[in-house]
């Protein structure tokens, strides 16, 4: 997160979804212990990164933004690992 701008009133952040689960399918994502969203609430994360607010796109919103909805893996977001 960038430092608060000079004279800025608020700093906010946004992200597609909080990554709460590691990927076991070949993407190099951290363990549960290293994933901040697996341990802290959105408010706690915002505080840790120095933001006044933090928002995430819903899973439905994420899928609406993707063309290949049926091929999109959500395991890192929801913990549902497809075999």
N, C-alpha and C. Protein backbone atom coordinates (compact mmCIF):
# COMPACT_ATOMS: atom_id res chain seq x y z
N UNK A 1 0.85 -1.16 0.00
CA UNK A 1 0.00 0.00 0.00
C UNK A 1 0.90 1.23 0.00
N UNK A 2 0.53 2.20 -0.77
CA UNK A 2 1.30 3.45 -0.82
C UNK A 2 1.07 4.26 0.45
N UNK A 3 2.04 5.11 0.76
CA UNK A 3 1.83 6.00 1.90
C UNK A 3 0.64 6.92 1.64
N UNK A 4 0.03 7.39 2.68
CA UNK A 4 -1.11 8.31 2.56
C UNK A 4 -0.66 9.56 1.80
N UNK A 5 -1.41 9.94 0.76
CA UNK A 5 -1.03 11.13 0.00
C UNK A 5 -1.07 12.38 0.88
N UNK A 6 -0.21 13.32 0.54
CA UNK A 6 -0.17 14.57 1.30
C UNK A 6 -1.53 15.24 1.21
N UNK A 7 -2.15 15.44 2.35
CA UNK A 7 -3.46 16.07 2.38
C UNK A 7 -4.61 15.12 2.09
N UNK A 8 -4.29 13.86 1.83
CA UNK A 8 -5.34 12.89 1.52
C UNK A 8 -6.20 12.59 2.73
N UNK A 9 -7.48 12.39 2.50
CA UNK A 9 -8.41 12.12 3.58
C UNK A 9 -8.51 10.64 3.90
N UNK A 10 -8.51 9.81 2.85
CA UNK A 10 -8.66 8.37 3.05
C UNK A 10 -7.84 7.61 2.03
N UNK A 11 -7.46 6.40 2.41
CA UNK A 11 -6.79 5.49 1.50
C UNK A 11 -7.60 4.20 1.52
N UNK A 12 -7.99 3.73 0.33
CA UNK A 12 -8.78 2.50 0.23
C UNK A 12 -8.08 1.53 -0.69
N UNK A 13 -8.53 0.29 -0.64
CA UNK A 13 -7.96 -0.73 -1.50
C UNK A 13 -9.04 -1.67 -1.99
N UNK A 14 -8.76 -2.35 -3.08
CA UNK A 14 -9.70 -3.32 -3.62
C UNK A 14 -8.94 -4.49 -4.21
N UNK A 15 -9.58 -5.64 -4.22
CA UNK A 15 -8.95 -6.86 -4.71
C UNK A 15 -10.04 -7.78 -5.20
N UNK A 16 -9.67 -8.72 -6.09
CA UNK A 16 -10.71 -9.61 -6.63
C UNK A 16 -11.36 -10.47 -5.56
N UNK A 17 -10.63 -11.10 -4.72
CA UNK A 17 -11.14 -11.92 -3.61
C UNK A 17 -9.98 -12.13 -2.64
N UNK A 18 -10.27 -12.34 -1.38
CA UNK A 18 -9.19 -12.68 -0.46
C UNK A 18 -8.72 -14.11 -0.70
N UNK A 19 -7.45 -14.30 -0.88
CA UNK A 19 -6.88 -15.64 -1.06
C UNK A 19 -6.73 -16.25 0.33
N UNK A 20 -7.61 -17.19 0.65
CA UNK A 20 -7.62 -17.80 1.98
C UNK A 20 -7.04 -19.20 2.00
N UNK A 21 -6.85 -19.80 0.82
CA UNK A 21 -6.42 -21.19 0.74
C UNK A 21 -5.26 -21.33 -0.24
N UNK A 22 -4.26 -22.16 0.07
CA UNK A 22 -3.14 -22.38 -0.86
C UNK A 22 -3.60 -23.15 -2.09
N UNK A 23 -2.83 -23.05 -3.16
CA UNK A 23 -3.13 -23.79 -4.39
C UNK A 23 -2.28 -25.06 -4.42
N UNK A 24 -2.94 -26.18 -4.63
CA UNK A 24 -2.24 -27.46 -4.74
C UNK A 24 -2.16 -27.92 -6.19
N UNK A 25 -2.54 -27.04 -7.12
CA UNK A 25 -2.59 -27.42 -8.53
C UNK A 25 -1.48 -26.78 -9.36
N UNK A 26 -0.42 -26.33 -8.74
CA UNK A 26 0.73 -25.85 -9.50
C UNK A 26 1.01 -24.37 -9.42
N UNK A 27 0.10 -23.58 -8.88
CA UNK A 27 0.37 -22.15 -8.71
C UNK A 27 1.12 -21.98 -7.40
N UNK A 28 2.17 -21.21 -7.41
CA UNK A 28 3.01 -21.06 -6.22
C UNK A 28 2.39 -20.04 -5.26
N UNK A 29 1.40 -20.49 -4.49
CA UNK A 29 0.81 -19.63 -3.47
C UNK A 29 1.25 -20.13 -2.10
N UNK A 30 1.30 -19.23 -1.14
CA UNK A 30 1.80 -19.58 0.18
C UNK A 30 0.93 -20.60 0.92
N UNK A 31 1.45 -21.01 2.05
CA UNK A 31 0.71 -21.90 2.95
C UNK A 31 -0.35 -21.09 3.68
N UNK A 32 -1.27 -21.78 4.37
CA UNK A 32 -2.28 -21.08 5.16
C UNK A 32 -1.65 -20.05 6.09
N UNK A 33 -0.55 -20.42 6.72
CA UNK A 33 0.11 -19.54 7.66
C UNK A 33 0.60 -18.25 7.01
N UNK A 34 0.92 -18.29 5.73
CA UNK A 34 1.45 -17.12 5.02
C UNK A 34 0.37 -16.30 4.32
N UNK A 35 -0.86 -16.79 4.27
CA UNK A 35 -1.94 -16.06 3.61
C UNK A 35 -2.66 -15.19 4.64
N UNK A 36 -2.52 -13.90 4.49
CA UNK A 36 -3.08 -12.97 5.48
C UNK A 36 -4.59 -13.12 5.62
N UNK A 37 -5.28 -13.40 4.52
CA UNK A 37 -6.75 -13.50 4.57
C UNK A 37 -7.24 -14.77 5.27
N UNK A 38 -6.36 -15.74 5.46
CA UNK A 38 -6.77 -16.95 6.18
C UNK A 38 -6.76 -16.73 7.69
N UNK A 39 -6.12 -15.64 8.12
CA UNK A 39 -5.97 -15.39 9.56
C UNK A 39 -6.69 -14.15 10.06
N UNK A 40 -6.91 -13.17 9.18
CA UNK A 40 -7.42 -11.88 9.62
C UNK A 40 -8.68 -11.49 8.87
N UNK A 41 -9.51 -10.69 9.51
CA UNK A 41 -10.72 -10.15 8.87
C UNK A 41 -10.32 -9.04 7.90
N UNK A 42 -11.27 -8.64 7.07
CA UNK A 42 -11.02 -7.56 6.11
C UNK A 42 -10.62 -6.28 6.84
N UNK A 43 -11.28 -5.96 7.94
CA UNK A 43 -10.94 -4.76 8.71
C UNK A 43 -9.52 -4.84 9.27
N UNK A 44 -9.15 -6.02 9.76
CA UNK A 44 -7.80 -6.19 10.31
C UNK A 44 -6.74 -6.07 9.22
N UNK A 45 -7.02 -6.60 8.03
CA UNK A 45 -6.08 -6.48 6.91
C UNK A 45 -5.92 -5.03 6.51
N UNK A 46 -7.04 -4.30 6.40
CA UNK A 46 -6.98 -2.88 6.04
C UNK A 46 -6.10 -2.12 7.03
N UNK A 47 -6.26 -2.41 8.30
CA UNK A 47 -5.45 -1.74 9.32
C UNK A 47 -3.97 -2.07 9.15
N UNK A 48 -3.67 -3.35 8.88
CA UNK A 48 -2.27 -3.76 8.73
C UNK A 48 -1.59 -3.13 7.52
N UNK A 49 -2.35 -2.88 6.45
CA UNK A 49 -1.74 -2.30 5.25
C UNK A 49 -1.87 -0.78 5.21
N UNK A 50 -2.48 -0.21 6.23
CA UNK A 50 -2.58 1.24 6.32
C UNK A 50 -3.70 1.84 5.49
N UNK A 51 -4.73 1.05 5.19
CA UNK A 51 -5.87 1.54 4.41
C UNK A 51 -7.03 1.84 5.35
N UNK A 52 -7.83 2.83 4.98
CA UNK A 52 -9.03 3.14 5.74
C UNK A 52 -10.13 2.13 5.45
N UNK A 53 -10.10 1.58 4.24
CA UNK A 53 -11.10 0.59 3.85
C UNK A 53 -10.48 -0.40 2.87
N UNK A 54 -11.10 -1.55 2.79
CA UNK A 54 -10.66 -2.60 1.87
C UNK A 54 -11.91 -3.34 1.42
N UNK A 55 -12.04 -3.56 0.13
CA UNK A 55 -13.23 -4.23 -0.41
C UNK A 55 -12.80 -5.33 -1.36
N UNK A 56 -13.63 -6.35 -1.44
CA UNK A 56 -13.38 -7.48 -2.33
C UNK A 56 -14.56 -7.67 -3.26
N UNK A 57 -14.27 -8.13 -4.45
CA UNK A 57 -15.30 -8.52 -5.40
C UNK A 57 -15.90 -9.84 -4.93
N UNK A 58 -17.21 -9.99 -5.05
CA UNK A 58 -17.84 -11.26 -4.66
C UNK A 58 -17.44 -12.35 -5.66
N UNK A 59 -17.61 -13.61 -5.26
CA UNK A 59 -17.32 -14.70 -6.19
C UNK A 59 -18.24 -14.60 -7.40
N UNK A 60 -19.52 -14.27 -7.20
CA UNK A 60 -20.43 -14.09 -8.34
C UNK A 60 -19.94 -12.97 -9.26
N UNK A 61 -19.49 -11.87 -8.67
CA UNK A 61 -18.96 -10.77 -9.46
C UNK A 61 -17.71 -11.16 -10.22
N UNK A 62 -16.86 -11.95 -9.58
CA UNK A 62 -15.65 -12.44 -10.23
C UNK A 62 -16.00 -13.32 -11.42
N UNK A 63 -16.94 -14.23 -11.23
CA UNK A 63 -17.34 -15.13 -12.32
C UNK A 63 -18.01 -14.37 -13.46
N UNK A 64 -18.78 -13.33 -13.16
CA UNK A 64 -19.41 -12.52 -14.21
C UNK A 64 -18.36 -11.82 -15.07
N UNK A 65 -17.21 -11.52 -14.48
CA UNK A 65 -16.14 -10.84 -15.21
C UNK A 65 -15.31 -11.78 -16.07
N UNK A 66 -15.49 -13.09 -15.90
CA UNK A 66 -14.70 -14.09 -16.62
C UNK A 66 -15.52 -14.71 -17.75
N UNK A 67 -14.88 -14.91 -18.88
CA UNK A 67 -15.57 -15.52 -20.02
C UNK A 67 -15.72 -17.03 -19.84
N UNK A 68 -14.69 -17.70 -19.35
CA UNK A 68 -14.70 -19.16 -19.21
C UNK A 68 -15.09 -19.54 -17.79
N UNK A 69 -16.32 -19.23 -17.40
CA UNK A 69 -16.78 -19.45 -16.03
C UNK A 69 -16.66 -20.90 -15.58
N UNK A 70 -16.94 -21.83 -16.48
CA UNK A 70 -16.91 -23.24 -16.12
C UNK A 70 -15.49 -23.77 -15.93
N UNK A 71 -14.50 -23.05 -16.41
CA UNK A 71 -13.12 -23.50 -16.34
C UNK A 71 -12.33 -22.76 -15.26
N UNK A 72 -12.99 -21.94 -14.49
CA UNK A 72 -12.32 -21.10 -13.51
C UNK A 72 -12.25 -21.82 -12.17
N UNK A 73 -11.05 -22.01 -11.65
CA UNK A 73 -10.85 -22.66 -10.35
C UNK A 73 -10.99 -21.62 -9.24
N UNK A 74 -11.80 -21.94 -8.25
CA UNK A 74 -12.03 -21.02 -7.13
C UNK A 74 -11.44 -21.52 -5.82
N UNK A 75 -10.63 -22.56 -5.87
CA UNK A 75 -10.13 -23.20 -4.65
C UNK A 75 -9.38 -22.24 -3.73
N UNK A 76 -8.60 -21.33 -4.27
CA UNK A 76 -7.85 -20.42 -3.40
C UNK A 76 -8.78 -19.42 -2.70
N UNK A 77 -9.98 -19.23 -3.25
CA UNK A 77 -10.95 -18.32 -2.65
C UNK A 77 -11.89 -19.02 -1.67
N UNK A 78 -12.39 -20.21 -2.07
CA UNK A 78 -13.44 -20.86 -1.27
C UNK A 78 -13.04 -22.20 -0.65
N UNK A 79 -11.87 -22.72 -0.97
CA UNK A 79 -11.40 -23.97 -0.39
C UNK A 79 -12.00 -25.23 -0.99
N UNK A 80 -12.78 -25.08 -2.07
CA UNK A 80 -13.36 -26.24 -2.75
C UNK A 80 -12.39 -26.73 -3.82
N UNK A 81 -11.64 -27.78 -3.50
CA UNK A 81 -10.64 -28.32 -4.41
C UNK A 81 -11.27 -29.40 -5.28
N UNK A 82 -11.37 -29.14 -6.57
CA UNK A 82 -11.95 -30.09 -7.52
C UNK A 82 -10.90 -31.12 -7.88
N UNK A 83 -11.30 -32.38 -7.87
CA UNK A 83 -10.37 -33.46 -8.20
C UNK A 83 -10.68 -33.98 -9.58
